[in-house]
């Protein structure tokens, strides 16, 4: 199979139960890095958001590898971003019959991986 110029592949992780702002602080460190550098960074960052981000990047890399046969060492993260998802709204009982709202946000992570030249 021939490889097209500027070929990029996208992978999306949906309904991940983490706040988008917590994911965004990790994604800001990954933009523009190569695939291998991103995996090394994610391995050593101490955040909960690293595991789902790692899975999405791994999925995008596997997609482009299966389509083109290019080795994963030749990949670069072209674009990576997070969007807000639905919010689960729960209520916890509080004093004097009141209810305290608890919001459990979700997010959608999108990664675009392309071949570096």
N, C-alpha and C. Protein backbone atom coordinates (compact mmCIF):
# COMPACT_ATOMS: atom_id res chain seq x y z
N UNK A 1 0.84 -1.18 0.00
CA UNK A 1 0.00 0.00 0.00
C UNK A 1 0.89 1.24 0.00
N UNK A 2 0.56 2.20 -0.79
CA UNK A 2 1.36 3.42 -0.84
C UNK A 2 0.90 4.39 0.23
N UNK A 3 1.84 5.17 0.72
CA UNK A 3 1.57 6.14 1.76
C UNK A 3 1.36 7.50 1.12
N UNK A 4 0.24 8.13 1.41
CA UNK A 4 -0.04 9.45 0.88
C UNK A 4 0.72 10.50 1.67
N UNK A 5 1.03 11.62 1.01
CA UNK A 5 1.66 12.72 1.72
C UNK A 5 0.69 13.30 2.74
N UNK A 6 1.23 13.66 3.88
CA UNK A 6 0.45 14.27 4.97
C UNK A 6 -0.71 13.40 5.43
N UNK A 7 -0.54 12.11 5.43
CA UNK A 7 -1.59 11.22 5.89
C UNK A 7 -1.67 11.27 7.41
N UNK A 8 -2.87 11.42 7.90
CA UNK A 8 -3.08 11.44 9.35
C UNK A 8 -4.30 10.61 9.69
N UNK A 9 -4.29 10.06 10.89
CA UNK A 9 -5.37 9.20 11.36
C UNK A 9 -5.81 9.70 12.73
N UNK A 10 -7.10 9.57 12.97
CA UNK A 10 -7.69 10.09 14.19
C UNK A 10 -8.25 8.96 15.03
N UNK A 11 -8.15 9.12 16.35
CA UNK A 11 -8.76 8.19 17.30
C UNK A 11 -9.45 9.01 18.38
N UNK A 12 -10.60 8.53 18.82
CA UNK A 12 -11.40 9.27 19.81
C UNK A 12 -11.73 8.34 20.98
N UNK A 13 -11.48 8.82 22.18
CA UNK A 13 -11.90 8.14 23.39
C UNK A 13 -13.08 8.90 23.96
N UNK A 14 -14.24 8.24 24.08
CA UNK A 14 -15.45 8.94 24.49
C UNK A 14 -15.88 8.52 25.88
N UNK A 15 -16.57 9.43 26.54
CA UNK A 15 -17.20 9.21 27.85
C UNK A 15 -16.18 8.76 28.90
N UNK A 16 -15.06 9.46 28.96
CA UNK A 16 -14.03 9.17 29.96
C UNK A 16 -14.36 9.96 31.22
N UNK A 17 -14.50 9.30 32.36
CA UNK A 17 -14.99 9.98 33.57
C UNK A 17 -13.93 10.81 34.30
N UNK A 18 -13.38 11.80 33.61
CA UNK A 18 -12.41 12.72 34.19
C UNK A 18 -12.79 14.11 33.73
N UNK A 19 -12.55 15.10 34.55
CA UNK A 19 -12.83 16.47 34.19
C UNK A 19 -11.95 16.91 33.01
N UNK A 20 -12.51 17.63 32.04
CA UNK A 20 -11.71 18.06 30.89
C UNK A 20 -10.54 18.97 31.27
N UNK A 21 -10.67 19.75 32.31
CA UNK A 21 -9.57 20.63 32.72
C UNK A 21 -8.39 19.82 33.25
N UNK A 22 -8.65 18.69 33.89
CA UNK A 22 -7.57 17.84 34.38
C UNK A 22 -6.86 17.13 33.23
N UNK A 23 -7.60 16.80 32.19
CA UNK A 23 -7.00 16.17 31.02
C UNK A 23 -6.20 17.19 30.22
N UNK A 24 -6.72 18.42 30.13
CA UNK A 24 -6.10 19.47 29.32
C UNK A 24 -4.68 19.80 29.80
N UNK A 25 -4.44 19.74 31.13
CA UNK A 25 -3.10 20.07 31.62
C UNK A 25 -2.06 19.04 31.19
N UNK A 26 -2.49 17.82 30.94
CA UNK A 26 -1.57 16.80 30.44
C UNK A 26 -1.39 16.95 28.92
N UNK A 27 -2.49 17.21 28.22
CA UNK A 27 -2.43 17.32 26.76
C UNK A 27 -1.56 18.49 26.30
N UNK A 28 -1.53 19.56 27.08
CA UNK A 28 -0.72 20.71 26.71
C UNK A 28 0.77 20.38 26.68
N UNK A 29 1.18 19.35 27.40
CA UNK A 29 2.58 18.95 27.41
C UNK A 29 2.93 18.00 26.26
N UNK A 30 1.91 17.44 25.58
CA UNK A 30 2.16 16.42 24.57
C UNK A 30 2.15 16.95 23.15
N UNK A 31 1.57 18.11 22.92
CA UNK A 31 1.41 18.60 21.55
C UNK A 31 2.75 18.78 20.85
N UNK A 32 2.84 18.26 19.62
CA UNK A 32 4.04 18.43 18.81
C UNK A 32 5.14 17.41 19.06
N UNK A 33 4.98 16.56 20.06
CA UNK A 33 6.00 15.55 20.32
C UNK A 33 5.82 14.35 19.39
N UNK A 34 6.86 13.57 19.29
CA UNK A 34 6.74 12.33 18.54
C UNK A 34 5.96 11.32 19.37
N UNK A 35 5.57 10.24 18.72
CA UNK A 35 4.79 9.21 19.39
C UNK A 35 5.55 8.61 20.57
N UNK A 36 6.82 8.30 20.37
CA UNK A 36 7.61 7.68 21.44
C UNK A 36 7.83 8.64 22.61
N UNK A 37 8.11 9.91 22.31
CA UNK A 37 8.28 10.90 23.39
C UNK A 37 7.02 11.06 24.20
N UNK A 38 5.87 11.05 23.54
CA UNK A 38 4.60 11.20 24.24
C UNK A 38 4.35 10.02 25.18
N UNK A 39 4.66 8.81 24.73
CA UNK A 39 4.46 7.65 25.60
C UNK A 39 5.39 7.69 26.81
N UNK A 40 6.61 8.16 26.62
CA UNK A 40 7.54 8.27 27.74
C UNK A 40 7.05 9.32 28.74
N UNK A 41 6.58 10.46 28.23
CA UNK A 41 6.03 11.49 29.12
C UNK A 41 4.84 10.96 29.91
N UNK A 42 3.93 10.28 29.22
CA UNK A 42 2.73 9.77 29.89
C UNK A 42 3.06 8.72 30.94
N UNK A 43 4.13 7.98 30.71
CA UNK A 43 4.51 6.93 31.66
C UNK A 43 4.96 7.52 32.99
N UNK A 44 5.59 8.69 32.95
CA UNK A 44 6.18 9.23 34.17
C UNK A 44 5.43 10.41 34.77
N UNK A 45 4.38 10.91 34.12
CA UNK A 45 3.58 11.97 34.72
C UNK A 45 2.67 11.37 35.79
N UNK A 46 2.48 12.05 36.92
CA UNK A 46 1.76 11.45 38.04
C UNK A 46 0.25 11.74 38.04
N UNK A 47 -0.38 11.84 36.87
CA UNK A 47 -1.80 12.20 36.81
C UNK A 47 -2.66 11.02 36.42
N UNK A 48 -3.90 11.03 36.90
CA UNK A 48 -4.86 9.97 36.59
C UNK A 48 -5.25 10.00 35.12
N UNK A 49 -5.18 11.16 34.51
CA UNK A 49 -5.60 11.33 33.11
C UNK A 49 -4.63 10.69 32.13
N UNK A 50 -3.46 10.30 32.57
CA UNK A 50 -2.44 9.77 31.65
C UNK A 50 -2.85 8.44 31.02
N UNK A 51 -3.53 7.59 31.77
CA UNK A 51 -3.89 6.27 31.24
C UNK A 51 -4.87 6.35 30.07
N UNK A 52 -6.00 7.07 30.17
CA UNK A 52 -6.88 7.15 28.99
C UNK A 52 -6.25 7.88 27.81
N UNK A 53 -5.40 8.87 28.08
CA UNK A 53 -4.71 9.56 26.99
C UNK A 53 -3.75 8.60 26.29
N UNK A 54 -3.05 7.80 27.08
CA UNK A 54 -2.13 6.81 26.52
C UNK A 54 -2.87 5.83 25.61
N UNK A 55 -4.06 5.41 26.04
CA UNK A 55 -4.85 4.46 25.25
C UNK A 55 -5.31 5.07 23.93
N UNK A 56 -5.70 6.34 23.95
CA UNK A 56 -6.16 6.99 22.72
C UNK A 56 -5.00 7.17 21.75
N UNK A 57 -3.84 7.59 22.24
CA UNK A 57 -2.68 7.76 21.37
C UNK A 57 -2.23 6.41 20.81
N UNK A 58 -2.25 5.40 21.63
CA UNK A 58 -1.89 4.05 21.20
C UNK A 58 -2.85 3.57 20.11
N UNK A 59 -4.13 3.86 20.26
CA UNK A 59 -5.12 3.45 19.29
C UNK A 59 -4.91 4.16 17.95
N UNK A 60 -4.63 5.47 17.99
CA UNK A 60 -4.39 6.21 16.76
C UNK A 60 -3.15 5.69 16.05
N UNK A 61 -2.11 5.37 16.80
CA UNK A 61 -0.88 4.84 16.21
C UNK A 61 -1.12 3.46 15.59
N UNK A 62 -1.92 2.64 16.25
CA UNK A 62 -2.23 1.33 15.70
C UNK A 62 -3.06 1.44 14.44
N UNK A 63 -3.98 2.42 14.42
CA UNK A 63 -4.80 2.63 13.22
C UNK A 63 -3.94 2.98 12.02
N UNK A 64 -3.03 3.91 12.18
CA UNK A 64 -2.19 4.32 11.04
C UNK A 64 -1.20 3.22 10.66
N UNK A 65 -0.75 2.45 11.63
CA UNK A 65 0.16 1.33 11.34
C UNK A 65 -0.57 0.26 10.54
N UNK A 66 -1.82 -0.04 10.90
CA UNK A 66 -2.59 -1.05 10.18
C UNK A 66 -2.97 -0.60 8.77
N UNK A 67 -3.20 0.71 8.59
CA UNK A 67 -3.58 1.22 7.27
C UNK A 67 -2.40 1.31 6.32
N UNK A 68 -1.25 1.74 6.83
CA UNK A 68 -0.14 2.04 5.94
C UNK A 68 1.07 1.13 6.11
N UNK A 69 1.22 0.50 7.25
CA UNK A 69 2.39 -0.33 7.51
C UNK A 69 3.60 0.46 7.96
N UNK A 70 3.44 1.75 8.22
CA UNK A 70 4.55 2.58 8.69
C UNK A 70 4.85 2.22 10.14
N UNK A 71 6.13 2.19 10.49
CA UNK A 71 6.48 1.86 11.87
C UNK A 71 6.06 2.98 12.81
N UNK A 72 5.79 2.63 14.03
CA UNK A 72 5.31 3.60 15.01
C UNK A 72 6.38 4.62 15.40
N UNK A 73 7.63 4.32 15.10
CA UNK A 73 8.71 5.26 15.41
C UNK A 73 8.67 6.49 14.51
N UNK A 74 8.00 6.39 13.37
CA UNK A 74 7.94 7.48 12.41
C UNK A 74 6.69 8.34 12.57
N UNK A 75 6.04 8.27 13.71
CA UNK A 75 4.78 9.01 13.90
C UNK A 75 4.98 10.22 14.79
N UNK A 76 4.15 11.23 14.57
CA UNK A 76 4.17 12.43 15.38
C UNK A 76 2.73 12.79 15.73
N UNK A 77 2.54 13.35 16.92
CA UNK A 77 1.21 13.78 17.33
C UNK A 77 0.95 15.13 16.70
N UNK A 78 0.08 15.13 15.71
CA UNK A 78 -0.22 16.35 14.97
C UNK A 78 -1.18 17.24 15.77
N UNK A 79 -2.18 16.62 16.35
CA UNK A 79 -3.21 17.38 17.07
C UNK A 79 -3.77 16.50 18.17
N UNK A 80 -4.01 17.08 19.33
CA UNK A 80 -4.64 16.35 20.42
C UNK A 80 -5.42 17.34 21.26
N UNK A 81 -6.69 17.00 21.52
CA UNK A 81 -7.53 17.93 22.26
C UNK A 81 -8.61 17.17 23.03
N UNK A 82 -9.28 17.90 23.91
CA UNK A 82 -10.33 17.32 24.73
C UNK A 82 -11.58 18.19 24.63
N UNK A 83 -12.73 17.53 24.58
CA UNK A 83 -14.02 18.21 24.59
C UNK A 83 -14.81 17.75 25.81
N UNK A 84 -15.71 18.61 26.25
CA UNK A 84 -16.54 18.24 27.38
C UNK A 84 -17.60 17.23 26.95
N UNK A 85 -17.90 16.33 27.84
CA UNK A 85 -18.94 15.34 27.60
C UNK A 85 -20.11 15.61 28.53
N UNK A 86 -20.98 14.65 28.67
CA UNK A 86 -22.12 14.84 29.57
C UNK A 86 -21.68 14.87 31.04
N UNK A 87 -22.51 15.45 31.87
CA UNK A 87 -22.21 15.56 33.29
C UNK A 87 -23.25 14.74 34.05
N UNK A 88 -22.79 13.78 34.84
CA UNK A 88 -23.70 13.03 35.71
C UNK A 88 -24.00 13.88 36.93
N UNK A 89 -25.27 14.12 37.21
CA UNK A 89 -25.64 14.96 38.33
C UNK A 89 -26.20 14.07 39.44
N UNK A 90 -25.58 14.14 40.58
CA UNK A 90 -25.98 13.35 41.75
C UNK A 90 -26.25 14.30 42.90
N UNK A 91 -27.01 13.85 43.88
CA UNK A 91 -27.30 14.65 45.06
C UNK A 91 -26.96 13.87 46.31
N UNK A 92 -26.36 14.58 47.25
CA UNK A 92 -25.98 13.99 48.53
C UNK A 92 -26.79 14.68 49.61
N UNK A 93 -27.35 13.92 50.54
CA UNK A 93 -28.13 14.56 51.60
C UNK A 93 -27.24 15.36 52.55
N UNK A 94 -27.73 16.53 52.93
CA UNK A 94 -27.01 17.41 53.84
C UNK A 94 -27.91 17.74 55.02
N UNK A 95 -27.45 18.61 55.87
CA UNK A 95 -28.16 18.95 57.10
C UNK A 95 -29.49 19.66 56.80
N UNK A 96 -30.43 19.48 57.66
CA UNK A 96 -31.74 20.14 57.65
C UNK A 96 -32.51 19.86 56.36
N UNK A 97 -32.40 18.65 55.85
CA UNK A 97 -33.19 18.23 54.70
C UNK A 97 -32.76 18.79 53.37
N UNK A 98 -31.62 19.40 53.32
CA UNK A 98 -31.15 19.97 52.06
C UNK A 98 -30.40 18.92 51.24
N UNK A 99 -30.26 19.22 49.97
CA UNK A 99 -29.50 18.34 49.08
C UNK A 99 -28.30 19.09 48.52
N UNK A 100 -27.17 18.40 48.43
CA UNK A 100 -25.95 19.00 47.91
C UNK A 100 -25.68 18.38 46.54
N UNK A 101 -25.59 19.21 45.51
CA UNK A 101 -25.38 18.72 44.15
C UNK A 101 -23.92 18.29 43.95
N UNK A 102 -23.75 17.12 43.35
CA UNK A 102 -22.43 16.62 43.00
C UNK A 102 -22.43 16.40 41.49
N UNK A 103 -21.53 17.07 40.79
CA UNK A 103 -21.41 16.93 39.34
C UNK A 103 -20.21 16.05 39.02
N UNK A 104 -20.45 15.03 38.21
CA UNK A 104 -19.38 14.13 37.79
C UNK A 104 -19.18 14.30 36.29
N UNK A 105 -18.20 15.13 35.89
CA UNK A 105 -18.03 15.43 34.47
C UNK A 105 -17.35 14.30 33.71
N UNK A 106 -17.62 14.27 32.40
CA UNK A 106 -16.95 13.34 31.49
C UNK A 106 -16.32 14.14 30.36
N UNK A 107 -15.44 13.48 29.60
CA UNK A 107 -14.79 14.17 28.50
C UNK A 107 -14.57 13.21 27.33
N UNK A 108 -14.31 13.80 26.17
CA UNK A 108 -13.99 13.06 24.95
C UNK A 108 -12.60 13.50 24.50
N UNK A 109 -11.66 12.57 24.38
CA UNK A 109 -10.29 12.87 23.98
C UNK A 109 -10.11 12.48 22.51
N UNK A 110 -9.58 13.41 21.71
CA UNK A 110 -9.33 13.15 20.29
C UNK A 110 -7.84 13.34 20.01
N UNK A 111 -7.25 12.36 19.35
CA UNK A 111 -5.84 12.43 18.98
C UNK A 111 -5.69 12.22 17.48
N UNK A 112 -4.92 13.08 16.83
CA UNK A 112 -4.62 12.96 15.40
C UNK A 112 -3.12 12.69 15.27
N UNK A 113 -2.78 11.56 14.70
CA UNK A 113 -1.38 11.15 14.54
C UNK A 113 -1.07 11.12 13.05
N UNK A 114 0.10 11.65 12.69
CA UNK A 114 0.50 11.66 11.29
C UNK A 114 1.93 11.14 11.16
N UNK A 115 2.34 10.93 9.92
CA UNK A 115 3.68 10.44 9.64
C UNK A 115 4.63 11.61 9.52
N UNK A 116 5.77 11.54 10.23
CA UNK A 116 6.74 12.63 10.13
C UNK A 116 7.70 12.36 8.98
N UNK A 117 8.07 13.44 8.34
CA UNK A 117 8.98 13.32 7.19
C UNK A 117 10.24 14.06 7.45
